[in-house]
Amino acid sequence: MRRVNRFGMIAVLAVATVVAPAFAENVTVGHFYTELAQATHLVSVDAASAEASLRGAGFNLPKLALEKSLTEGDMTSISNAL
């Protein structure tokens, strides 16, 4: 089961990495956290609750401003945390 969850997370990150440049002006760290929380079936009403849910689930996310535009460096640091 754990192997399936890892594969799912890697797939989500791979898709997000490919899609992110197309929506670069609209994608923020908070929006990505929200999508990530929904993909892992965690409660996420907004960016702050998504971040709290992910941290509560044991993910050691980097300290990033939720309104900051998502960059490749941010994706790398988030990927390392997962």
C-alpha atoms as a PDB file:
ATOM      1  CA  MET A   1       0.000   0.000   0.000  1.00  0.00           C
ATOM      2  CA  ARG A   2       2.801   2.414   0.864  1.00  0.00           C
ATOM      3  CA  ARG A   3       4.435   1.757  -2.518  1.00  0.00           C
ATOM      4  CA  VAL A   4       1.162   2.638  -4.285  1.00  0.00           C
ATOM      5  CA  ASN A   5       0.896   5.893  -2.307  1.00  0.00           C
ATOM      6  CA  ARG A   6       4.456   6.848  -3.243  1.00  0.00           C
ATOM      7  CA  PHE A   7       3.748   6.139  -6.892  1.00  0.00           C
ATOM      8  CA  GLY A   8       0.618   8.287  -6.712  1.00  0.00           C
ATOM      9  CA  MET A   9       2.525  11.188  -5.171  1.00  0.00           C
ATOM     10  CA  ILE A  10       5.266  10.906  -7.776  1.00  0.00           C
ATOM     11  CA  ALA A  11       2.642  10.858 -10.534  1.00  0.00           C
ATOM     12  CA  VAL A  12       0.956  13.978  -9.108  1.00  0.00           C
ATOM     13  CA  LEU A  13       4.265  15.804  -8.932  1.00  0.00           C
ATOM     14  CA  ALA A  14       5.211  14.750 -12.457  1.00  0.00           C
ATOM     15  CA  VAL A  15       1.903  15.970 -13.866  1.00  0.00           C
ATOM     16  CA  ALA A  16       2.130  19.211 -11.901  1.00  0.00           C
ATOM     17  CA  THR A  17       5.661  19.793 -13.171  1.00  0.00           C
ATOM     18  CA  VAL A  18       4.538  19.371 -16.765  1.00  0.00           C
ATOM     19  CA  VAL A  19       1.344  21.428 -16.390  1.00  0.00           C
ATOM     20  CA  ALA A  20       2.713  24.212 -14.163  1.00  0.00           C
ATOM     21  CA  PRO A  21       4.422  26.221 -16.940  1.00  0.00           C
ATOM     22  CA  ALA A  22       1.134  26.413 -18.854  1.00  0.00           C
ATOM     23  CA  PHE A  23      -0.548  28.033 -15.860  1.00  0.00           C
ATOM     24  CA  ALA A  24       2.526  29.797 -14.468  1.00  0.00           C
ATOM     25  CA  GLU A  25       0.831  33.106 -13.861  1.00  0.00           C
ATOM     26  CA  ASN A  26      -2.014  31.491 -11.895  1.00  0.00           C
ATOM     27  CA  VAL A  27      -0.208  28.794  -9.898  1.00  0.00           C
ATOM     28  CA  THR A  28       0.826  29.665  -6.380  1.00  0.00           C
ATOM     29  CA  VAL A  29       2.342  27.542  -3.652  1.00  0.00           C
ATOM     30  CA  GLY A  30      -1.011  27.587  -1.859  1.00  0.00           C
ATOM     31  CA  HIS A  31      -2.880  26.436  -4.962  1.00  0.00           C
ATOM     32  CA  PHE A  32      -0.416  23.583  -5.419  1.00  0.00           C
ATOM     33  CA  TYR A  33      -0.776  22.574  -1.753  1.00  0.00           C
ATOM     34  CA  THR A  34      -4.557  22.552  -2.216  1.00  0.00           C
ATOM     35  CA  GLU A  35      -4.310  20.309  -5.272  1.00  0.00           C
ATOM     36  CA  LEU A  36      -1.826  18.048  -3.514  1.00  0.00           C
ATOM     37  CA  ALA A  37      -4.073  17.733  -0.449  1.00  0.00           C
ATOM     38  CA  GLN A  38      -7.054  16.862  -2.634  1.00  0.00           C
ATOM     39  CA  ALA A  39      -4.993  14.262  -4.504  1.00  0.00           C
ATOM     40  CA  THR A  40      -4.106  12.615  -1.195  1.00  0.00           C
ATOM     41  CA  HIS A  41      -7.757  12.759  -0.021  1.00  0.00           C
ATOM     42  CA  LEU A  42      -7.084  15.237   2.778  1.00  0.00           C
ATOM     43  CA  VAL A  43      -9.430  18.020   3.866  1.00  0.00           C
ATOM     44  CA  SER A  44      -8.617  21.261   2.068  1.00  0.00           C
ATOM     45  CA  VAL A  45     -10.996  24.206   1.939  1.00  0.00           C
ATOM     46  CA  ASP A  46      -8.282  26.733   1.149  1.00  0.00           C
ATOM     47  CA  ALA A  47      -4.496  26.965   0.913  1.00  0.00           C
ATOM     48  CA  ALA A  48      -3.951  27.359   4.662  1.00  0.00           C
ATOM     49  CA  SER A  49      -6.104  24.348   5.550  1.00  0.00           C
ATOM     50  CA  ALA A  50      -4.435  22.303   2.801  1.00  0.00           C
ATOM     51  CA  GLU A  51      -0.997  23.119   4.200  1.00  0.00           C
ATOM     52  CA  ALA A  52      -2.158  22.281   7.731  1.00  0.00           C
ATOM     53  CA  SER A  53      -3.654  18.978   6.545  1.00  0.00           C
ATOM     54  CA  LEU A  54      -0.470  18.005   4.707  1.00  0.00           C
ATOM     55  CA  ARG A  55       1.698  18.893   7.699  1.00  0.00           C
ATOM     56  CA  GLY A  56      -0.696  16.994   9.979  1.00  0.00           C
ATOM     57  CA  ALA A  57      -0.373  13.955   7.720  1.00  0.00           C
ATOM     58  CA  GLY A  58       3.368  13.982   8.370  1.00  0.00           C
ATOM     59  CA  PHE A  59       4.720  15.803   5.326  1.00  0.00           C
ATOM     60  CA  ASN A  60       7.657  18.053   6.255  1.00  0.00           C
ATOM     61  CA  LEU A  61       6.824  20.856   3.808  1.00  0.00           C
ATOM     62  CA  PRO A  62       9.246  23.749   3.347  1.00  0.00           C
ATOM     63  CA  LYS A  63       8.341  27.159   4.782  1.00  0.00           C
ATOM     64  CA  LEU A  64       7.002  28.976   1.705  1.00  0.00           C
ATOM     65  CA  ALA A  65       4.543  31.856   1.445  1.00  0.00           C
ATOM     66  CA  LEU A  66       1.212  30.511   0.205  1.00  0.00           C
ATOM     67  CA  GLU A  67       0.643  33.454  -2.155  1.00  0.00           C
ATOM     68  CA  LYS A  68       4.103  33.079  -3.763  1.00  0.00           C
ATOM     69  CA  SER A  69       4.214  31.999  -7.422  1.00  0.00           C
ATOM     70  CA  LEU A  70       5.263  28.383  -7.748  1.00  0.00           C
ATOM     71  CA  THR A  71       8.766  27.950  -9.201  1.00  0.00           C
ATOM     72  CA  GLU A  72      10.847  24.939 -10.171  1.00  0.00           C
ATOM     73  CA  GLY A  73      12.904  25.412  -7.012  1.00  0.00           C
ATOM     74  CA  ASP A  74       9.731  25.303  -4.935  1.00  0.00           C
ATOM     75  CA  MET A  75       8.668  22.117  -6.695  1.00  0.00           C
ATOM     76  CA  THR A  76      12.051  20.574  -5.940  1.00  0.00           C
ATOM     77  CA  SER A  77      11.890  21.453  -2.259  1.00  0.00           C
ATOM     78  CA  ILE A  78       8.299  20.195  -1.983  1.00  0.00           C
ATOM     79  CA  SER A  79       9.232  16.984  -3.837  1.00  0.00           C
ATOM     80  CA  ASN A  80      12.098  16.375  -1.430  1.00  0.00           C
ATOM     81  CA  ALA A  81       9.700  16.800   1.484  1.00  0.00           C
ATOM     82  CA  LEU A  82       7.373  14.167   0.057  1.00  0.00           C
END
